PDB file of N, CA and C in Angstrom:
ATOM      1  N   MET A   1      96.380  95.473 101.427  1.00  0.00           N
ATOM      2  CA  MET A   1      95.931  95.933 102.724  1.00  0.00           C
ATOM      3  C   MET A   1      94.637  96.725 102.570  1.00  0.00           C
ATOM      4  N   VAL A   2      93.699  96.467 103.427  1.00  0.00           N
ATOM      5  CA  VAL A   2      92.431  97.193 103.421  1.00  0.00           C
ATOM      6  C   VAL A   2      92.633  98.520 104.131  1.00  0.00           C
ATOM      7  N   VAL A   3      92.221  99.597 103.483  1.00  0.00           N
ATOM      8  CA  VAL A   3      92.332 100.916 104.093  1.00  0.00           C
ATOM      9  C   VAL A   3      90.944 101.348 104.507  1.00  0.00           C
ATOM     10  N   TYR A   4      90.740 101.540 105.793  1.00  0.00           N
ATOM     11  CA  TYR A   4      89.441 101.898 106.333  1.00  0.00           C
ATOM     12  C   TYR A   4      89.345 103.410 106.455  1.00  0.00           C
ATOM     13  N   ASN A   5      88.429 104.011 105.723  1.00  0.00           N
ATOM     14  CA  ASN A   5      88.186 105.454 105.763  1.00  0.00           C
ATOM     15  C   ASN A   5      89.446 106.284 105.526  1.00  0.00           C
ATOM     16  N   GLY A   6      90.352 105.805 104.709  1.00  0.00           N
ATOM     17  CA  GLY A   6      91.530 106.580 104.365  1.00  0.00           C
ATOM     18  C   GLY A   6      92.525 106.761 105.497  1.00  0.00           C
ATOM     19  N   ILE A   7      92.481 105.906 106.510  1.00  0.00           N
ATOM     20  CA  ILE A   7      93.344 106.069 107.674  1.00  0.00           C
ATOM     21  C   ILE A   7      94.815 105.919 107.300  1.00  0.00           C
ATOM     22  N   LYS A   8      95.131 105.075 106.320  1.00  0.00           N
ATOM     23  CA  LYS A   8      96.523 104.934 105.908  1.00  0.00           C
ATOM     24  C   LYS A   8      97.021 106.260 105.342  1.00  0.00           C
ATOM     25  N   HIS A   9      96.169 106.938 104.597  1.00  0.00           N
ATOM     26  CA  HIS A   9      96.520 108.230 104.031  1.00  0.00           C
ATOM     27  C   HIS A   9      96.770 109.247 105.145  1.00  0.00           C
ATOM     28  N   VAL A  10      95.949 109.236 106.163  1.00  0.00           N
ATOM     29  CA  VAL A  10      96.101 110.155 107.294  1.00  0.00           C
ATOM     30  C   VAL A  10      97.412 109.875 108.026  1.00  0.00           C
ATOM     31  N   ARG A  11      97.714 108.623 108.243  1.00  0.00           N
ATOM     32  CA  ARG A  11      98.961 108.264 108.928  1.00  0.00           C
ATOM     33  C   ARG A  11     100.164 108.772 108.141  1.00  0.00           C
ATOM     34  N   GLU A  12     100.106 108.608 106.829  1.00  0.00           N
ATOM     35  CA  GLU A  12     101.204 109.079 105.984  1.00  0.00           C
ATOM     36  C   GLU A  12     101.361 110.594 106.102  1.00  0.00           C
ATOM     37  N   LYS A  13     100.266 111.322 106.066  1.00  0.00           N
ATOM     38  CA  LYS A  13     100.303 112.781 106.180  1.00  0.00           C
ATOM     39  C   LYS A  13     100.851 113.212 107.544  1.00  0.00           C
ATOM     40  N   VAL A  14     100.455 112.513 108.593  1.00  0.00           N
ATOM     41  CA  VAL A  14     100.925 112.833 109.939  1.00  0.00           C
ATOM     42  C   VAL A  14     102.441 112.663 110.022  1.00  0.00           C
ATOM     43  N   ILE A  15     102.949 111.545 109.537  1.00  0.00           N
ATOM     44  CA  ILE A  15     104.393 111.284 109.574  1.00  0.00           C
ATOM     45  C   ILE A  15     105.147 112.328 108.751  1.00  0.00           C
ATOM     46  N   GLN A  16     104.617 112.671 107.576  1.00  0.00           N
ATOM     47  CA  GLN A  16     105.257 113.694 106.743  1.00  0.00           C
ATOM     48  C   GLN A  16     105.298 115.036 107.469  1.00  0.00           C
ATOM     49  N   HIS A  17     104.226 115.380 108.143  1.00  0.00           N
ATOM     50  CA  HIS A  17     104.150 116.648 108.867  1.00  0.00           C
ATOM     51  C   HIS A  17     105.183 116.680 109.991  1.00  0.00           C
ATOM     52  N   LEU A  18     105.350 115.561 110.669  1.00  0.00           N
ATOM     53  CA  LEU A  18     106.355 115.483 111.735  1.00  0.00           C
ATOM     54  C   LEU A  18     107.770 115.594 111.163  1.00  0.00           C
ATOM     55  N   LYS A  19     108.001 114.996 109.998  1.00  0.00           N
ATOM     56  CA  LYS A  19     109.319 115.057 109.366  1.00  0.00           C
ATOM     57  C   LYS A  19     109.699 116.485 108.983  1.00  0.00           C
ATOM     58  N   LEU A  20     108.687 117.320 108.756  1.00  0.00           N
ATOM     59  CA  LEU A  20     108.943 118.720 108.410  1.00  0.00           C
ATOM     60  C   LEU A  20     109.357 119.546 109.625  1.00  0.00           C
ATOM     61  N   GLY A  21     109.342 118.919 110.803  1.00  0.00           N
ATOM     62  CA  GLY A  21     109.820 119.577 112.000  1.00  0.00           C
ATOM     63  C   GLY A  21     108.747 120.109 112.926  1.00  0.00           C
ATOM     64  N   HIS A  22     107.498 119.810 112.637  1.00  0.00           N
ATOM     65  CA  HIS A  22     106.412 120.259 113.498  1.00  0.00           C
ATOM     66  C   HIS A  22     106.360 119.403 114.760  1.00  0.00           C
ATOM     67  N   SER A  23     105.864 119.982 115.838  1.00  0.00           N
ATOM     68  CA  SER A  23     105.802 119.252 117.109  1.00  0.00           C
ATOM     69  C   SER A  23     104.690 118.206 117.075  1.00  0.00           C
ATOM     70  N   GLN A  24     104.813 117.241 117.959  1.00  0.00           N
ATOM     71  CA  GLN A  24     103.800 116.195 118.050  1.00  0.00           C
ATOM     72  C   GLN A  24     102.467 116.772 118.503  1.00  0.00           C
ATOM     73  N   ILE A  25     102.502 117.699 119.433  1.00  0.00           N
ATOM     74  CA  ILE A  25     101.260 118.283 119.949  1.00  0.00           C
ATOM     75  C   ILE A  25     100.528 119.059 118.856  1.00  0.00           C
ATOM     76  N   SER A  26     101.259 119.913 118.136  1.00  0.00           N
ATOM     77  CA  SER A  26     100.602 120.701 117.089  1.00  0.00           C
ATOM     78  C   SER A  26     100.100 119.811 115.946  1.00  0.00           C
ATOM     79  N   THR A  27     100.835 118.753 115.653  1.00  0.00           N
ATOM     80  CA  THR A  27     100.416 117.819 114.606  1.00  0.00           C
ATOM     81  C   THR A  27      99.148 117.085 115.019  1.00  0.00           C
ATOM     82  N   ALA A  28      99.093 116.641 116.266  1.00  0.00           N
ATOM     83  CA  ALA A  28      97.899 115.950 116.765  1.00  0.00           C
ATOM     84  C   ALA A  28      96.685 116.873 116.715  1.00  0.00           C
ATOM     85  N   GLN A  29      96.876 118.118 117.083  1.00  0.00           N
ATOM     86  CA  GLN A  29      95.775 119.082 117.044  1.00  0.00           C
ATOM     87  C   GLN A  29      95.337 119.367 115.617  1.00  0.00           C
ATOM     88  N   LEU A  30      96.291 119.529 114.719  1.00  0.00           N
ATOM     89  CA  LEU A  30      95.983 119.815 113.323  1.00  0.00           C
ATOM     90  C   LEU A  30      95.164 118.702 112.683  1.00  0.00           C
ATOM     91  N   PHE A  31      95.567 117.460 112.914  1.00  0.00           N
ATOM     92  CA  PHE A  31      94.890 116.326 112.304  1.00  0.00           C
ATOM     93  C   PHE A  31      93.739 115.789 113.156  1.00  0.00           C
ATOM     94  N   LYS A  32      93.521 116.407 114.316  1.00  0.00           N
ATOM     95  CA  LYS A  32      92.436 116.037 115.220  1.00  0.00           C
ATOM     96  C   LYS A  32      92.496 114.564 115.624  1.00  0.00           C
ATOM     97  N   ILE A  33      93.699 114.156 116.035  1.00  0.00           N
ATOM     98  CA  ILE A  33      93.899 112.805 116.546  1.00  0.00           C
ATOM     99  C   ILE A  33      94.479 112.913 117.954  1.00  0.00           C
ATOM    100  N   ASN A  34      94.314 111.878 118.723  1.00  0.00           N
ATOM    101  CA  ASN A  34      94.836 111.841 120.077  1.00  0.00           C
ATOM    102  C   ASN A  34      96.363 111.791 120.026  1.00  0.00           C
ATOM    103  N   LEU A  35      97.008 112.492 120.942  1.00  0.00           N
ATOM    104  CA  LEU A  35      98.465 112.525 120.993  1.00  0.00           C
ATOM    105  C   LEU A  35      99.052 111.127 121.177  1.00  0.00           C
ATOM    106  N   ASN A  36      98.400 110.290 121.983  1.00  0.00           N
ATOM    107  CA  ASN A  36      98.895 108.916 122.176  1.00  0.00           C
ATOM    108  C   ASN A  36      98.836 108.116 120.880  1.00  0.00           C
ATOM    109  N   THR A  37      97.801 108.339 120.075  1.00  0.00           N
ATOM    110  CA  THR A  37      97.686 107.667 118.777  1.00  0.00           C
ATOM    111  C   THR A  37      98.851 108.075 117.891  1.00  0.00           C
ATOM    112  N   LEU A  38      99.141 109.355 117.851  1.00  0.00           N
ATOM    113  CA  LEU A  38     100.255 109.857 117.057  1.00  0.00           C
ATOM    114  C   LEU A  38     101.561 109.209 117.504  1.00  0.00           C
ATOM    115  N   LYS A  39     101.748 109.108 118.805  1.00  0.00           N
ATOM    116  CA  LYS A  39     102.982 108.520 119.329  1.00  0.00           C
ATOM    117  C   LYS A  39     103.115 107.045 118.958  1.00  0.00           C
ATOM    118  N   VAL A  40     101.997 106.329 118.951  1.00  0.00           N
ATOM    119  CA  VAL A  40     102.021 104.910 118.549  1.00  0.00           C
ATOM    120  C   VAL A  40     102.411 104.797 117.082  1.00  0.00           C
ATOM    121  N   TRP A  41     101.814 105.634 116.228  1.00  0.00           N
ATOM    122  CA  TRP A  41     102.148 105.616 114.802  1.00  0.00           C
ATOM    123  C   TRP A  41     103.611 105.950 114.579  1.00  0.00           C
ATOM    124  N   LEU A  42     104.103 106.968 115.278  1.00  0.00           N
ATOM    125  CA  LEU A  42     105.490 107.393 115.120  1.00  0.00           C
ATOM    126  C   LEU A  42     106.452 106.315 115.616  1.00  0.00           C
ATOM    127  N   LYS A  43     106.125 105.706 116.738  1.00  0.00           N
ATOM    128  CA  LYS A  43     106.968 104.635 117.289  1.00  0.00           C
ATOM    129  C   LYS A  43     107.051 103.474 116.299  1.00  0.00           C
ATOM    130  N   ARG A  44     105.901 103.086 115.718  1.00  0.00           N
ATOM    131  CA  ARG A  44     105.889 101.996 114.751  1.00  0.00           C
ATOM    132  C   ARG A  44     106.700 102.368 113.512  1.00  0.00           C
ATOM    133  N   TYR A  45     106.569 103.618 113.084  1.00  0.00           N
ATOM    134  CA  TYR A  45     107.312 104.068 111.898  1.00  0.00           C
ATOM    135  C   TYR A  45     108.814 104.016 112.152  1.00  0.00           C
ATOM    136  N   ARG A  46     109.233 104.472 113.314  1.00  0.00           N
ATOM    137  CA  ARG A  46     110.666 104.462 113.637  1.00  0.00           C
ATOM    138  C   ARG A  46     111.208 103.053 113.828  1.00  0.00           C
ATOM    139  N   LYS A  47     110.413 102.185 114.434  1.00  0.00           N
ATOM    140  CA  LYS A  47     110.871 100.825 114.734  1.00  0.00           C
ATOM    141  C   LYS A  47     110.781  99.901 113.527  1.00  0.00           C
ATOM    142  N   GLU A  48     109.655  99.979 112.781  1.00  0.00           N
ATOM    143  CA  GLU A  48     109.400  99.007 111.720  1.00  0.00           C
ATOM    144  C   GLU A  48     109.495  99.593 110.312  1.00  0.00           C
ATOM    145  N   GLY A  49     109.587 100.917 110.218  1.00  0.00           N
ATOM    146  CA  GLY A  49     109.733 101.545 108.908  1.00  0.00           C
ATOM    147  C   GLY A  49     108.425 101.740 108.161  1.00  0.00           C
ATOM    148  N   HIS A  50     107.300 101.507 108.821  1.00  0.00           N
ATOM    149  CA  HIS A  50     105.994 101.730 108.206  1.00  0.00           C
ATOM    150  C   HIS A  50     105.013 102.186 109.271  1.00  0.00           C
ATOM    151  N   PHE A  51     103.867 102.649 108.831  1.00  0.00           N
ATOM    152  CA  PHE A  51     102.850 103.134 109.757  1.00  0.00           C
ATOM    153  C   PHE A  51     101.533 102.407 109.563  1.00  0.00           C
ATOM    154  N   ASN A  52     101.577 101.254 108.910  1.00  0.00           N
ATOM    155  CA  ASN A  52     100.372 100.474 108.661  1.00  0.00           C
ATOM    156  C   ASN A  52      99.807  99.899 109.954  1.00  0.00           C
ATOM    157  N   ALA A  53      98.514  99.702 109.968  1.00  0.00           N
ATOM    158  CA  ALA A  53      97.863  99.093 111.121  1.00  0.00           C
ATOM    159  C   ALA A  53      98.283  97.630 111.234  1.00  0.00           C
ATOM    160  N   ARG A  54      98.244  97.138 112.430  1.00  0.00           N
ATOM    161  CA  ARG A  54      98.555  95.724 112.646  1.00  0.00           C
ATOM    162  C   ARG A  54      97.401  94.863 112.137  1.00  0.00           C
ATOM    163  N   LYS A  55      97.739  93.669 111.692  1.00  0.00           N
ATOM    164  CA  LYS A  55      96.711  92.733 111.261  1.00  0.00           C
ATOM    165  C   LYS A  55      96.040  92.168 112.506  1.00  0.00           C
ATOM    166  N   ARG A  56      94.731  92.209 112.507  1.00  0.00           N
ATOM    167  CA  ARG A  56      93.963  91.677 113.639  1.00  0.00           C
ATOM    168  C   ARG A  56      93.499  90.274 113.290  1.00  0.00           C
ATOM    169  N   LEU A  57      93.798  89.331 114.158  1.00  0.00           N
ATOM    170  CA  LEU A  57      93.558  87.937 113.837  1.00  0.00           C
ATOM    171  C   LEU A  57      92.159  87.444 114.185  1.00  0.00           C
ATOM    172  N   GLY A  58      91.569  87.883 115.242  1.00  0.00           N
ATOM    173  CA  GLY A  58      90.239  87.408 115.616  1.00  0.00           C
ATOM    174  C   GLY A  58      90.253  85.966 116.063  1.00  0.00           C
ATOM    175  N   SER A  59      89.091  85.476 116.422  1.00  0.00           N
ATOM    176  CA  SER A  59      89.005  84.103 116.929  1.00  0.00           C
ATOM    177  C   SER A  59      88.809  83.114 115.783  1.00  0.00           C
ATOM    178  N   LYS A  60      89.136  81.891 116.063  1.00  0.00           N
ATOM    179  CA  LYS A  60      88.975  80.815 115.082  1.00  0.00           C
ATOM    180  C   LYS A  60      87.502  80.414 115.017  1.00  0.00           C
ATOM    181  N   PRO A  61      87.044  79.975 113.842  1.00  0.00           N
ATOM    182  CA  PRO A  61      85.652  79.524 113.751  1.00  0.00           C
ATOM    183  C   PRO A  61      85.412  78.321 114.670  1.00  0.00           C
ATOM    184  N   SER A  62      84.255  78.291 115.300  1.00  0.00           N
ATOM    185  CA  SER A  62      83.969  77.205 116.236  1.00  0.00           C
ATOM    186  C   SER A  62      83.352  75.990 115.552  1.00  0.00           C
ATOM    187  N   ILE A  63      83.003  76.117 114.273  1.00  0.00           N
ATOM    188  CA  ILE A  63      82.420  75.005 113.537  1.00  0.00           C
ATOM    189  C   ILE A  63      83.257  74.737 112.295  1.00  0.00           C
ATOM    190  N   ASP A  64      83.383  73.468 111.971  1.00  0.00           N
ATOM    191  CA  ASP A  64      84.126  73.072 110.782  1.00  0.00           C
ATOM    192  C   ASP A  64      83.378  73.544 109.534  1.00  0.00           C
ATOM    193  N   LYS A  65      84.080  74.111 108.591  1.00  0.00           N
ATOM    194  CA  LYS A  65      83.466  74.667 107.390  1.00  0.00           C
ATOM    195  C   LYS A  65      82.691  73.606 106.607  1.00  0.00           C
ATOM    196  N   GLU A  66      83.270  72.433 106.459  1.00  0.00           N
ATOM    197  CA  GLU A  66      82.611  71.351 105.716  1.00  0.00           C
ATOM    198  C   GLU A  66      81.328  70.894 106.412  1.00  0.00           C
ATOM    199  N   LYS A  67      81.365  70.787 107.722  1.00  0.00           N
ATOM    200  CA  LYS A  67      80.178  70.392 108.468  1.00  0.00           C
ATOM    201  C   LYS A  67      79.083  71.441 108.330  1.00  0.00           C
ATOM    202  N   PHE A  68      79.459  72.698 108.307  1.00  0.00           N
ATOM    203  CA  PHE A  68      78.486  73.765 108.155  1.00  0.00           C
ATOM    204  C   PHE A  68      77.836  73.717 106.782  1.00  0.00           C
ATOM    205  N   ILE A  69      78.621  73.518 105.751  1.00  0.00           N
ATOM    206  CA  ILE A  69      78.081  73.432 104.384  1.00  0.00           C
ATOM    207  C   ILE A  69      77.115  72.267 104.275  1.00  0.00           C
ATOM    208  N   THR A  70      77.468  71.130 104.860  1.00  0.00           N
ATOM    209  CA  THR A  70      76.610  69.967 104.864  1.00  0.00           C
ATOM    210  C   THR A  70      75.303  70.271 105.613  1.00  0.00           C
ATOM    211  N   TYR A  71      75.399  70.929 106.726  1.00  0.00           N
ATOM    212  CA  TYR A  71      74.238  71.277 107.531  1.00  0.00           C
ATOM    213  C   TYR A  71      73.294  72.214 106.788  1.00  0.00           C
ATOM    214  N   VAL A  72      73.829  73.173 106.080  1.00  0.00           N
ATOM    215  CA  VAL A  72      73.008  74.160 105.357  1.00  0.00           C
ATOM    216  C   VAL A  72      72.287  73.503 104.194  1.00  0.00           C
ATOM    217  N   LYS A  73      72.910  72.534 103.548  1.00  0.00           N
ATOM    218  CA  LYS A  73      72.275  71.843 102.412  1.00  0.00           C
ATOM    219  C   LYS A  73      71.168  71.000 102.934  1.00  0.00           C
TER     220      LYS A  73
END
């Protein structure tokens, strides 16, 4: 998994802080994240057992790879 700017590390720290009994509001303020973001991470952790970001699929290429290689040559 690609970790962008250490966000996985931050998510882990946030969840650990909540497990220690701190409130969601104080945790969001401490880590300087939006309360809704914290709630999404916590919901995912409780439901799926992890706090990793979802894989983003993006759009399919509009040109065939082989045709593109042929065109470039």
